[in-house]
Every structure is written in C-alpha cells, then in structure tokens.
C-alpha cells in the first residue's frame, strides 16, 4: 500500500489529522498490507500509527535529517512475516548521501529503501518509498533518473522491486514515462481488472469525481495480481486524507 496521509495542520479544519487519525489507522488495520509506504508523515503522525499497528515495524526518518520535526516517507512492514535485511535513506539531489535539496525543488525530498526477506519463503523483496517535489519540474525528472541510477549501480536490475509514492505528476508526464523504462505501472499489468477511481488526489473535496492521478506503485520483476485505488471515507462521509491509498496484491 502507498498512502499520502496529509501532514498534520489545524488549518485543515474538519479534515485536521486529529479528526482523521483513528480512521486512517482503522483503514490500515482492515487492509493489513505487508508493506505500507506512507508520505507526509510528521513525527507525531508516525508515532501514532506505529503505536496502533501492533505487528508492524517501520524504517525511515524526516527529510530534514534524523531527529528533526520534518515530514518523512516511512515504510511499515509486517514484522511477523518479513525480516529487515538492509535499509537506507538517500536524498533526491546531486548529493544524495547528505541532507540536501535537489535542482529546482522547493523542499528536501528523500527515498526510503528497505531490503526484506520473507520468513516463510525466504524470498527477497526490495521496497522503495518516496515523495517527489510538488513544484520542481526538473527535480521530478532528475529524481526519477536518480532512482533508476541507484538501482543499476547497486545491481538490483534483476531483483524483485516495488517503488511507490506520491510522484506529483500525471501518467502522461516525462518522469512517469522515464520510470516506465525500468518499471511497470501496477495499474497497467494487474492480472485482474483494476478497481476504484482512476484519480488519487481528492483534495478533501467530496463533491467532485477524482480524476487527478499523482500516486503510484511501480514494480519490477513482479507479477501483480490486483490493483485497487481505495476510496473509503470516514463515518461522517469526509475523506480520510487528501489522497487515496493504493493497494496491490503481488
């Protein structure tokens, strides 16, 4: 599952995190994905989710560095089913190994990466979670290039990989087309028909159809069984976040 949970700000009024957080956790528990890539997680949001998901552990810290009050892209994983073998955070910039802002980006942006082994099958899966910049058009393209370069340099080309996140661009735009040279869009290759809205960004608007797709789960060397955009709502009919989560079965 990939899920932009919307950062915690009281300015959201009826959509403030404090009013949504129990519903978000309830959704995560209901679908119980083995891996959850979350975007826009402030430290207090990360702690709340971690405290309420009993069988999960997580990796990742904020984009401004360790122990900062900044947004992160943590990966939660089912600790009962998977063992963490390796992990890394790198920045989407020309200096990926240190806290930095890349190209024309407005904010620091990161990738959280984990290598996991199934405790039952012993198979290895590599999971990447990220959030591309919302303003920097060149930064988004360079970020796609950097991720592909990382995979090639680390000899992961033939491995099972999931790349997910809020990429802040449409399927027709160049960063997605570039990523498709190395990955497959799970929505395109799902063996059963895709389910749910095409769009992923609802902007908390409950009155209009959702058509803007900016969230993705891409895969490499993996069979995707199903793809779903989850448009569940809160009990008061408001959205759980300004993005819908995506859920695939592999």
Protein backbone atom coordinates (compact mmCIF):
# COMPACT_ATOMS: atom_id res chain seq x y z
CA UNK A 1 0.00 0.00 0.00
CA UNK A 2 1.10 3.54 -0.81
CA UNK A 3 -0.62 6.29 1.16
CA UNK A 4 -0.10 10.05 1.42
CA UNK A 5 -1.82 10.68 4.75
CA UNK A 6 -1.61 14.53 4.57
CA UNK A 7 0.58 16.25 7.14
CA UNK A 8 -0.82 17.43 10.47
CA UNK A 9 -2.08 21.03 10.30
CA UNK A 10 -5.02 22.53 12.22
CA UNK A 11 -5.62 24.75 9.15
CA UNK A 12 -7.40 21.76 7.59
CA UNK A 13 -10.41 22.38 9.84
CA UNK A 14 -12.83 19.44 9.59
CA UNK A 15 -10.06 17.49 7.81
CA UNK A 16 -7.45 18.02 10.54
CA UNK A 17 -5.32 14.98 11.39
CA UNK A 18 -6.74 14.74 14.91
CA UNK A 19 -10.17 14.12 13.39
CA UNK A 20 -8.88 11.64 10.79
CA UNK A 21 -6.20 9.67 12.60
CA UNK A 22 -8.39 6.94 14.07
CA UNK A 23 -10.00 6.36 10.69
CA UNK A 24 -6.61 6.15 8.96
CA UNK A 25 -5.38 3.54 11.45
CA UNK A 26 -8.65 1.62 11.12
CA UNK A 27 -8.17 1.52 7.32
CA UNK A 28 -4.59 0.28 7.65
CA UNK A 29 -5.64 -2.44 10.07
CA UNK A 30 -8.56 -3.51 7.89
CA UNK A 31 -6.50 -3.99 4.72
CA UNK A 32 -3.37 -5.12 6.64
CA UNK A 33 -0.82 -4.78 3.82
CA UNK A 34 2.54 -6.49 4.32
CA UNK A 35 4.21 -3.20 3.35
CA UNK A 36 2.88 0.34 3.73
CA UNK A 37 4.71 3.26 2.16
CA UNK A 38 3.46 6.45 3.82
CA UNK A 39 4.13 10.00 2.67
CA UNK A 40 3.82 13.32 4.57
CA UNK A 41 4.22 11.65 7.96
CA UNK A 42 5.14 14.17 10.65
CA UNK A 43 6.86 12.66 13.73
CA UNK A 44 3.66 12.74 15.81
CA UNK A 45 1.70 11.07 13.00
CA UNK A 46 4.37 8.42 12.58
CA UNK A 47 4.32 7.71 16.32
CA UNK A 48 0.52 7.47 16.41
CA UNK A 49 0.41 4.99 13.55
CA UNK A 50 3.32 2.95 14.96
CA UNK A 51 1.66 2.82 18.39
CA UNK A 52 -1.56 1.46 16.90
CA UNK A 53 -0.21 -1.09 14.41
CA UNK A 54 0.86 -3.95 16.64
CA UNK A 55 2.56 -6.34 14.24
CA UNK A 56 4.43 -3.71 12.24
CA UNK A 57 7.83 -2.09 12.49
CA UNK A 58 8.99 0.81 10.35
CA UNK A 59 12.10 2.32 8.80
CA UNK A 60 12.76 5.95 7.85
CA UNK A 61 13.08 9.42 9.34
CA UNK A 62 12.31 13.00 8.33
CA UNK A 63 13.56 14.60 5.12
CA UNK A 64 15.50 17.27 7.03
CA UNK A 65 17.56 14.64 8.85
CA UNK A 66 17.42 12.36 11.86
CA UNK A 67 15.54 13.71 14.92
CA UNK A 68 14.04 16.66 13.03
CA UNK A 69 10.40 17.70 13.12
CA UNK A 70 10.08 17.12 9.37
CA UNK A 71 7.91 15.03 7.10
CA UNK A 72 9.04 11.52 6.32
CA UNK A 73 8.31 8.64 3.94
CA UNK A 74 8.45 5.67 6.33
CA UNK A 75 7.98 2.09 5.24
CA UNK A 76 5.95 -0.03 7.63
CA UNK A 77 6.40 -3.79 7.29
CA UNK A 78 4.71 -6.80 8.86
CA UNK A 79 7.37 -7.94 11.30
CA UNK A 80 5.69 -11.32 11.76
CA UNK A 81 6.11 -12.15 8.08
CA UNK A 82 9.23 -10.25 6.97
CA UNK A 83 12.75 -9.72 8.25
CA UNK A 84 14.57 -6.46 7.54
CA UNK A 85 17.93 -7.21 5.88
CA UNK A 86 19.10 -3.74 4.88
CA UNK A 87 17.84 -0.15 4.86
CA UNK A 88 18.92 3.24 3.55
CA UNK A 89 17.72 6.81 3.13
CA UNK A 90 19.01 8.97 0.31
CA UNK A 91 18.13 12.47 -0.81
CA UNK A 92 16.76 13.34 -4.23
CA UNK A 93 19.58 15.72 -5.13
CA UNK A 94 23.03 15.81 -6.65
CA UNK A 95 24.40 14.92 -3.17
CA UNK A 96 22.11 12.01 -2.22
CA UNK A 97 24.14 10.85 0.79
CA UNK A 98 23.57 14.00 2.83
CA UNK A 99 20.67 16.27 3.76
CA UNK A 100 20.12 18.37 0.66
CA UNK A 101 17.64 19.92 -1.72
CA UNK A 102 17.80 18.95 -5.36
CA UNK A 103 17.74 21.06 -8.52
CA UNK A 104 14.64 23.32 -8.69
CA UNK A 105 12.84 21.57 -5.81
CA UNK A 106 11.04 23.63 -3.19
CA UNK A 107 11.81 21.21 -0.34
CA UNK A 108 14.23 18.47 0.67
CA UNK A 109 13.00 15.17 -0.75
CA UNK A 110 14.04 11.63 0.17
CA UNK A 111 13.77 7.98 -0.73
CA UNK A 112 13.43 5.34 1.98
CA UNK A 113 14.64 1.91 0.89
CA UNK A 114 14.41 -1.49 2.56
CA UNK A 115 15.53 -5.00 1.67
CA UNK A 116 13.25 -7.61 3.20
CA UNK A 117 13.22 -11.40 3.40
CA UNK A 118 10.05 -13.44 3.72
CA UNK A 119 10.24 -15.59 6.84
CA UNK A 120 8.23 -18.34 5.15
CA UNK A 121 9.53 -18.46 1.56
CA UNK A 122 12.97 -16.84 2.15
CA UNK A 123 12.40 -14.75 -0.98
CA UNK A 124 13.83 -11.24 -1.07
CA UNK A 125 11.91 -8.09 -1.99
CA UNK A 126 13.28 -4.55 -2.33
CA UNK A 127 10.90 -1.73 -1.40
CA UNK A 128 11.37 1.98 -2.22
CA UNK A 129 9.08 4.74 -0.93
CA UNK A 130 9.33 8.38 -1.97
CA UNK A 131 7.60 11.73 -2.43
CA UNK A 132 8.67 13.85 -5.41
CA UNK A 133 8.70 17.63 -5.15
CA UNK A 134 5.43 19.45 -5.80
CA UNK A 135 6.98 22.45 -7.56
CA UNK A 136 10.25 21.44 -9.22
CA UNK A 137 9.51 20.05 -12.68
CA UNK A 138 13.17 19.38 -13.38
CA UNK A 139 13.59 17.94 -9.87
CA UNK A 140 10.88 15.36 -10.54
CA UNK A 141 12.57 14.19 -13.74
CA UNK A 142 16.01 14.16 -12.11
CA UNK A 143 14.55 12.25 -9.15
CA UNK A 144 13.25 9.52 -11.47
CA UNK A 145 16.67 9.34 -13.10
CA UNK A 146 18.41 9.14 -9.72
CA UNK A 147 16.28 6.22 -8.56
CA UNK A 148 16.92 4.26 -11.74
CA UNK A 149 20.63 5.05 -11.48
CA UNK A 150 20.63 3.82 -7.86
CA UNK A 151 19.05 0.52 -8.88
CA UNK A 152 21.54 -0.02 -11.69
CA UNK A 153 24.61 0.96 -9.65
CA UNK A 154 23.57 -1.36 -6.83
CA UNK A 155 22.98 -4.26 -9.23
CA UNK A 156 19.30 -4.57 -8.45
CA UNK A 157 18.11 -4.69 -12.06
CA UNK A 158 17.20 -8.39 -11.86
CA UNK A 159 15.69 -8.23 -8.36
CA UNK A 160 12.06 -8.02 -7.23
CA UNK A 161 11.38 -4.33 -6.62
CA UNK A 162 8.42 -2.21 -5.56
CA UNK A 163 8.67 1.56 -5.97
CA UNK A 164 5.79 3.57 -4.55
CA UNK A 165 4.88 7.07 -3.58
CA UNK A 166 3.35 10.43 -4.34
CA UNK A 167 5.22 11.42 -7.51
CA UNK A 168 3.34 14.69 -8.02
CA UNK A 169 2.96 14.21 -11.77
CA UNK A 170 0.44 12.76 -14.19
CA UNK A 171 0.89 9.47 -16.09
CA UNK A 172 1.47 11.41 -19.31
CA UNK A 173 4.35 13.46 -17.91
CA UNK A 174 8.03 12.75 -18.52
CA UNK A 175 9.05 11.46 -15.02
CA UNK A 176 6.49 8.63 -15.24
CA UNK A 177 7.42 7.84 -18.84
CA UNK A 178 11.06 7.76 -17.75
CA UNK A 179 10.34 5.40 -14.85
CA UNK A 180 8.41 3.13 -17.19
CA UNK A 181 11.67 2.38 -18.99
CA UNK A 182 12.75 0.42 -15.92
CA UNK A 183 9.48 -0.33 -14.08
CA UNK A 184 5.92 -1.31 -14.88
CA UNK A 185 2.89 0.59 -13.63
CA UNK A 186 0.97 -1.84 -11.45
CA UNK A 187 -2.31 -0.38 -12.68
CA UNK A 188 -1.39 -1.45 -16.22
CA UNK A 189 -0.22 -5.00 -15.57
CA UNK A 190 -2.64 -6.20 -12.88
CA UNK A 191 -3.86 -9.67 -13.88
CA UNK A 192 -7.39 -8.97 -12.73
CA UNK A 193 -9.15 -5.73 -13.65
CA UNK A 194 -8.23 -2.60 -11.72
CA UNK A 195 -10.76 -1.36 -9.19
CA UNK A 196 -11.67 2.07 -7.85
CA UNK A 197 -11.16 5.61 -9.11
CA UNK A 198 -8.54 6.44 -11.73
CA UNK A 199 -7.54 9.56 -9.80
CA UNK A 200 -5.70 9.51 -6.48
CA UNK A 201 -5.73 13.16 -5.34
CA UNK A 202 -9.12 14.25 -3.97
CA UNK A 203 -8.06 17.49 -2.24
CA UNK A 204 -10.60 16.69 0.52
CA UNK A 205 -13.38 17.56 -1.95
CA UNK A 206 -16.28 15.12 -1.51
CA UNK A 207 -18.46 16.70 -4.22
CA UNK A 208 -16.48 16.02 -7.41
CA UNK A 209 -15.20 12.91 -9.20
CA UNK A 210 -11.50 12.27 -8.57
CA UNK A 211 -9.53 12.24 -11.81
CA UNK A 212 -6.03 13.55 -10.94
CA UNK A 213 -3.61 10.62 -10.67
CA UNK A 214 -0.31 11.51 -8.98
CA UNK A 215 0.27 8.48 -6.70
CA UNK A 216 1.79 5.26 -7.99
CA UNK A 217 3.00 1.79 -7.22
CA UNK A 218 5.52 0.59 -9.80
CA UNK A 219 7.08 -2.86 -9.88
CA UNK A 220 9.99 -4.72 -11.44
CA UNK A 221 10.26 -8.50 -11.93
CA UNK A 222 6.98 -8.98 -10.05
CA UNK A 223 3.59 -10.38 -11.05
CA UNK A 224 0.84 -8.00 -9.97
CA UNK A 225 -2.37 -9.90 -9.17
CA UNK A 226 -4.64 -6.92 -8.49
CA UNK A 227 -4.66 -3.14 -8.20
CA UNK A 228 -7.07 -1.03 -6.20
CA UNK A 229 -7.46 2.67 -5.52
CA UNK A 230 -9.16 2.72 -2.11
CA UNK A 231 -11.76 5.48 -1.85
CA UNK A 232 -13.13 4.58 1.59
CA UNK A 233 -14.43 7.50 3.68
CA UNK A 234 -14.80 8.48 7.31
CA UNK A 235 -18.04 7.76 9.15
CA UNK A 236 -19.08 11.40 8.56
CA UNK A 237 -18.56 10.90 4.79
CA UNK A 238 -15.45 13.11 4.68
CA UNK A 239 -12.21 11.85 3.14
CA UNK A 240 -9.58 10.14 5.29
CA UNK A 241 -6.83 12.10 3.52
CA UNK A 242 -6.49 14.39 0.52
CA UNK A 243 -5.05 11.36 -1.31
CA UNK A 244 -6.50 7.89 -1.76
CA UNK A 245 -4.27 4.96 -0.83
CA UNK A 246 -3.27 2.46 -3.49
CA UNK A 247 -3.26 -1.27 -2.78
CA UNK A 248 -1.76 -4.01 -4.90
CA UNK A 249 -1.51 -7.75 -4.43
CA UNK A 250 1.63 -9.40 -5.78
